Amino acid sequence: NYIWIRDAEKNNLVVGTQARILYQDEEGRINIALKFNEMVRKGEVGPIMIGRDHHDVSGTDSPFRETANIKDGSNVMADMAVQCYAGNAARGMSLVALHNGGGVGIGKAVNGGFGLVLDGSERVDNVIKSGIA
């Protein structure tokens, strides 16, 4: 990811699907978001919106996928996604989402996700540290 970001000007960037996904571990996600927020603070770029869909496994409940191996009848519950949704709101995300679908079909999964506007503020630095993990 570092090489991709370092050489971004050479990559003929596009808006949309080809540019929307960045796979990174927790430390990498936090460091990248903090750097982007610093760039906004310094006026190098305008505000940036980052987000996570399904917020890892903790934000998705689907008896056809994530919770398929739970045999006590609770595999159809939405507790993980709802807790993720509520946690994202409590941590100060700019946008929180509770939605369904997630690749298995509408009504067959409940997902939690978030969006965070990086505005350059110290408050957002703190949200990044507590919520991007």
C-alpha atoms as a PDB file:
ATOM      1  CA  ASN A   1       0.000   0.000   0.000  1.00  0.00           C
ATOM      2  CA  TYR A   2       2.863   2.399   0.720  1.00  0.00           C
ATOM      3  CA  ILE A   3       4.207   1.981  -2.819  1.00  0.00           C
ATOM      4  CA  TRP A   4       0.732   2.524  -4.285  1.00  0.00           C
ATOM      5  CA  ILE A   5       0.270   5.738  -2.294  1.00  0.00           C
ATOM      6  CA  ARG A   6       3.850   6.923  -2.954  1.00  0.00           C
ATOM      7  CA  ASP A   7       3.420   6.415  -6.706  1.00  0.00           C
ATOM      8  CA  ALA A   8      -0.225   7.531  -6.869  1.00  0.00           C
ATOM      9  CA  GLU A   9       0.424  10.217  -9.486  1.00  0.00           C
ATOM     10  CA  LYS A  10       1.728   7.555 -11.887  1.00  0.00           C
ATOM     11  CA  ASN A  11      -1.318   5.302 -11.488  1.00  0.00           C
ATOM     12  CA  ASN A  12      -3.901   7.185 -13.605  1.00  0.00           C
ATOM     13  CA  LEU A  13      -6.277   7.321 -10.664  1.00  0.00           C
ATOM     14  CA  VAL A  14      -9.995   7.145 -11.229  1.00  0.00           C
ATOM     15  CA  VAL A  15     -13.015   7.892  -9.077  1.00  0.00           C
ATOM     16  CA  GLY A  16     -15.089   4.824  -8.372  1.00  0.00           C
ATOM     17  CA  THR A  17     -14.635   1.120  -7.980  1.00  0.00           C
ATOM     18  CA  GLN A  18     -10.995   0.902  -9.061  1.00  0.00           C
ATOM     19  CA  ALA A  19      -9.909   3.413  -6.407  1.00  0.00           C
ATOM     20  CA  ARG A  20     -12.203   2.608  -3.520  1.00  0.00           C
ATOM     21  CA  ILE A  21     -10.648  -0.300  -1.641  1.00  0.00           C
ATOM     22  CA  LEU A  22      -7.528  -0.258   0.508  1.00  0.00           C
ATOM     23  CA  TYR A  23      -6.699  -3.478   2.326  1.00  0.00           C
ATOM     24  CA  GLN A  24      -4.589  -2.861   5.408  1.00  0.00           C
ATOM     25  CA  ASP A  25      -4.210  -4.155   8.952  1.00  0.00           C
ATOM     26  CA  GLU A  26      -5.322  -2.179  12.003  1.00  0.00           C
ATOM     27  CA  GLU A  27      -2.041  -0.316  12.485  1.00  0.00           C
ATOM     28  CA  GLY A  28      -1.871   0.540   8.791  1.00  0.00           C
ATOM     29  CA  ARG A  29      -5.478   1.805   8.698  1.00  0.00           C
ATOM     30  CA  ILE A  30      -4.868   4.044  11.701  1.00  0.00           C
ATOM     31  CA  ASN A  31      -1.572   5.418  10.368  1.00  0.00           C
ATOM     32  CA  ILE A  32      -2.983   6.130   6.913  1.00  0.00           C
ATOM     33  CA  ALA A  33      -6.071   7.858   8.332  1.00  0.00           C
ATOM     34  CA  LEU A  34      -3.954   9.962  10.719  1.00  0.00           C
ATOM     35  CA  LYS A  35      -1.665  10.977   7.839  1.00  0.00           C
ATOM     36  CA  PHE A  36      -4.651  11.921   5.667  1.00  0.00           C
ATOM     37  CA  ASN A  37      -6.105  13.976   8.554  1.00  0.00           C
ATOM     38  CA  GLU A  38      -2.729  15.699   9.017  1.00  0.00           C
ATOM     39  CA  MET A  39      -2.667  16.543   5.291  1.00  0.00           C
ATOM     40  CA  VAL A  40      -6.132  18.114   5.630  1.00  0.00           C
ATOM     41  CA  ARG A  41      -4.975  20.049   8.724  1.00  0.00           C
ATOM     42  CA  LYS A  42      -1.985  21.425   6.790  1.00  0.00           C
ATOM     43  CA  GLY A  43      -4.175  22.441   3.852  1.00  0.00           C
ATOM     44  CA  GLU A  44      -2.465  20.038   1.441  1.00  0.00           C
ATOM     45  CA  VAL A  45      -5.822  18.476   0.509  1.00  0.00           C
ATOM     46  CA  GLY A  46      -9.465  19.166   1.254  1.00  0.00           C
ATOM     47  CA  PRO A  47     -11.600  17.085   3.631  1.00  0.00           C
ATOM     48  CA  ILE A  48     -11.543  13.342   2.938  1.00  0.00           C
ATOM     49  CA  MET A  49     -14.294  10.813   3.658  1.00  0.00           C
ATOM     50  CA  ILE A  50     -13.160   7.323   4.599  1.00  0.00           C
ATOM     51  CA  GLY A  51     -15.358   4.406   5.489  1.00  0.00           C
ATOM     52  CA  ARG A  52     -15.678   0.718   6.157  1.00  0.00           C
ATOM     53  CA  ASP A  53     -18.458  -1.441   4.865  1.00  0.00           C
ATOM     54  CA  HIS A  54     -19.512  -4.399   6.999  1.00  0.00           C
ATOM     55  CA  HIS A  55     -16.792  -3.297   9.463  1.00  0.00           C
ATOM     56  CA  ASP A  56     -15.051  -6.649   9.484  1.00  0.00           C
ATOM     57  CA  VAL A  57     -16.859  -9.715  10.745  1.00  0.00           C
ATOM     58  CA  SER A  58     -18.003  -7.935  13.895  1.00  0.00           C
ATOM     59  CA  GLY A  59     -20.431  -5.885  11.847  1.00  0.00           C
ATOM     60  CA  THR A  60     -22.143  -8.580   9.789  1.00  0.00           C
ATOM     61  CA  ASP A  61     -24.751 -11.142  10.767  1.00  0.00           C
ATOM     62  CA  SER A  62     -25.837 -13.632   8.106  1.00  0.00           C
ATOM     63  CA  PRO A  63     -27.065 -17.180   8.674  1.00  0.00           C
ATOM     64  CA  PHE A  64     -25.734 -17.858   5.171  1.00  0.00           C
ATOM     65  CA  ARG A  65     -22.187 -16.710   5.868  1.00  0.00           C
ATOM     66  CA  GLU A  66     -20.709 -15.186   9.087  1.00  0.00           C
ATOM     67  CA  THR A  67     -23.111 -16.800  11.556  1.00  0.00           C
ATOM     68  CA  ALA A  68     -23.790 -19.968   9.532  1.00  0.00           C
ATOM     69  CA  ASN A  69     -22.017 -22.211  12.038  1.00  0.00           C
ATOM     70  CA  ILE A  70     -24.048 -21.018  15.038  1.00  0.00           C
ATOM     71  CA  LYS A  71     -26.518 -23.835  15.636  1.00  0.00           C
ATOM     72  CA  ASP A  72     -28.430 -22.601  18.707  1.00  0.00           C
ATOM     73  CA  GLY A  73     -30.966 -20.603  16.680  1.00  0.00           C
ATOM     74  CA  SER A  74     -29.313 -17.224  17.255  1.00  0.00           C
ATOM     75  CA  ASN A  75     -27.694 -17.234  13.802  1.00  0.00           C
ATOM     76  CA  VAL A  76     -30.556 -15.079  12.512  1.00  0.00           C
ATOM     77  CA  MET A  77     -30.042 -12.348  15.132  1.00  0.00           C
ATOM     78  CA  ALA A  78     -28.528  -8.981  14.267  1.00  0.00           C
ATOM     79  CA  ASP A  79     -26.743  -8.344  17.552  1.00  0.00           C
ATOM     80  CA  MET A  80     -23.199  -8.079  16.165  1.00  0.00           C
ATOM     81  CA  ALA A  81     -24.202  -5.622  13.436  1.00  0.00           C
ATOM     82  CA  VAL A  82     -26.352  -3.532  15.783  1.00  0.00           C
ATOM     83  CA  GLN A  83     -23.595  -3.372  18.410  1.00  0.00           C
ATOM     84  CA  CYS A  84     -21.128  -2.344  15.702  1.00  0.00           C
ATOM     85  CA  TYR A  85     -23.570   0.328  14.480  1.00  0.00           C
ATOM     86  CA  ALA A  86     -24.133   1.695  17.991  1.00  0.00           C
ATOM     87  CA  GLY A  87     -20.403   1.597  18.774  1.00  0.00           C
ATOM     88  CA  ASN A  88     -19.588   3.530  15.616  1.00  0.00           C
ATOM     89  CA  ALA A  89     -22.091   6.215  16.640  1.00  0.00           C
ATOM     90  CA  ALA A  90     -20.704   6.365  20.190  1.00  0.00           C
ATOM     91  CA  ARG A  91     -17.118   6.668  18.915  1.00  0.00           C
ATOM     92  CA  GLY A  92     -18.057   9.754  16.884  1.00  0.00           C
ATOM     93  CA  MET A  93     -18.224   8.590  13.281  1.00  0.00           C
ATOM     94  CA  SER A  94     -19.645  11.139  10.831  1.00  0.00           C
ATOM     95  CA  LEU A  95     -21.986   8.573   9.299  1.00  0.00           C
ATOM     96  CA  VAL A  96     -23.168   5.241  10.651  1.00  0.00           C
ATOM     97  CA  ALA A  97     -25.009   2.652   8.612  1.00  0.00           C
ATOM     98  CA  LEU A  98     -27.137  -0.359   9.438  1.00  0.00           C
ATOM     99  CA  HIS A  99     -28.033  -2.069   6.192  1.00  0.00           C
ATOM    100  CA  ASN A 100     -28.632  -5.455   4.646  1.00  0.00           C
ATOM    101  CA  GLY A 101     -27.576  -7.579   1.706  1.00  0.00           C
ATOM    102  CA  GLY A 102     -23.814  -7.870   1.841  1.00  0.00           C
ATOM    103  CA  GLY A 103     -23.411 -10.291  -1.022  1.00  0.00           C
ATOM    104  CA  VAL A 104     -25.938 -12.880   0.114  1.00  0.00           C
ATOM    105  CA  GLY A 105     -29.089 -11.039  -0.932  1.00  0.00           C
ATOM    106  CA  ILE A 106     -31.429  -8.410   0.442  1.00  0.00           C
ATOM    107  CA  GLY A 107     -32.953  -9.485   3.732  1.00  0.00           C
ATOM    108  CA  LYS A 108     -30.405 -12.267   4.243  1.00  0.00           C
ATOM    109  CA  ALA A 109     -27.769 -10.326   6.192  1.00  0.00           C
ATOM    110  CA  VAL A 110     -27.545  -7.305   8.480  1.00  0.00           C
ATOM    111  CA  ASN A 111     -24.393  -5.186   8.283  1.00  0.00           C
ATOM    112  CA  GLY A 112     -22.946  -2.234  10.144  1.00  0.00           C
ATOM    113  CA  GLY A 113     -20.575   0.277   8.608  1.00  0.00           C
ATOM    114  CA  PHE A 114     -19.340   3.839   8.970  1.00  0.00           C
ATOM    115  CA  GLY A 115     -18.039   6.911   7.245  1.00  0.00           C
ATOM    116  CA  LEU A 116     -15.689   9.435   8.815  1.00  0.00           C
ATOM    117  CA  VAL A 117     -14.970  12.891   7.444  1.00  0.00           C
ATOM    118  CA  LEU A 118     -11.318  13.726   7.995  1.00  0.00           C
ATOM    119  CA  ASP A 119     -11.492  17.460   8.653  1.00  0.00           C
ATOM    120  CA  GLY A 120      -8.012  17.972  10.084  1.00  0.00           C
ATOM    121  CA  SER A 121      -9.196  18.344  13.664  1.00  0.00           C
ATOM    122  CA  GLU A 122      -7.690  16.805  16.778  1.00  0.00           C
ATOM    123  CA  ARG A 123     -11.153  15.403  17.571  1.00  0.00           C
ATOM    124  CA  VAL A 124     -11.004  13.338  14.377  1.00  0.00           C
ATOM    125  CA  ASP A 125      -7.489  12.143  15.306  1.00  0.00           C
ATOM    126  CA  ASN A 126      -9.049  10.744  18.491  1.00  0.00           C
ATOM    127  CA  VAL A 127     -11.948   9.144  16.592  1.00  0.00           C
ATOM    128  CA  ILE A 128      -9.433   7.513  14.239  1.00  0.00           C
ATOM    129  CA  LYS A 129      -7.473   6.048  17.156  1.00  0.00           C
ATOM    130  CA  SER A 130     -10.566   4.627  18.852  1.00  0.00           C
ATOM    131  CA  GLY A 131     -12.747   3.734  15.903  1.00  0.00           C
ATOM    132  CA  ILE A 132     -10.737   2.686  12.861  1.00  0.00           C
ATOM    133  CA  ALA A 133      -9.425  -0.437  14.581  1.00  0.00           C
END
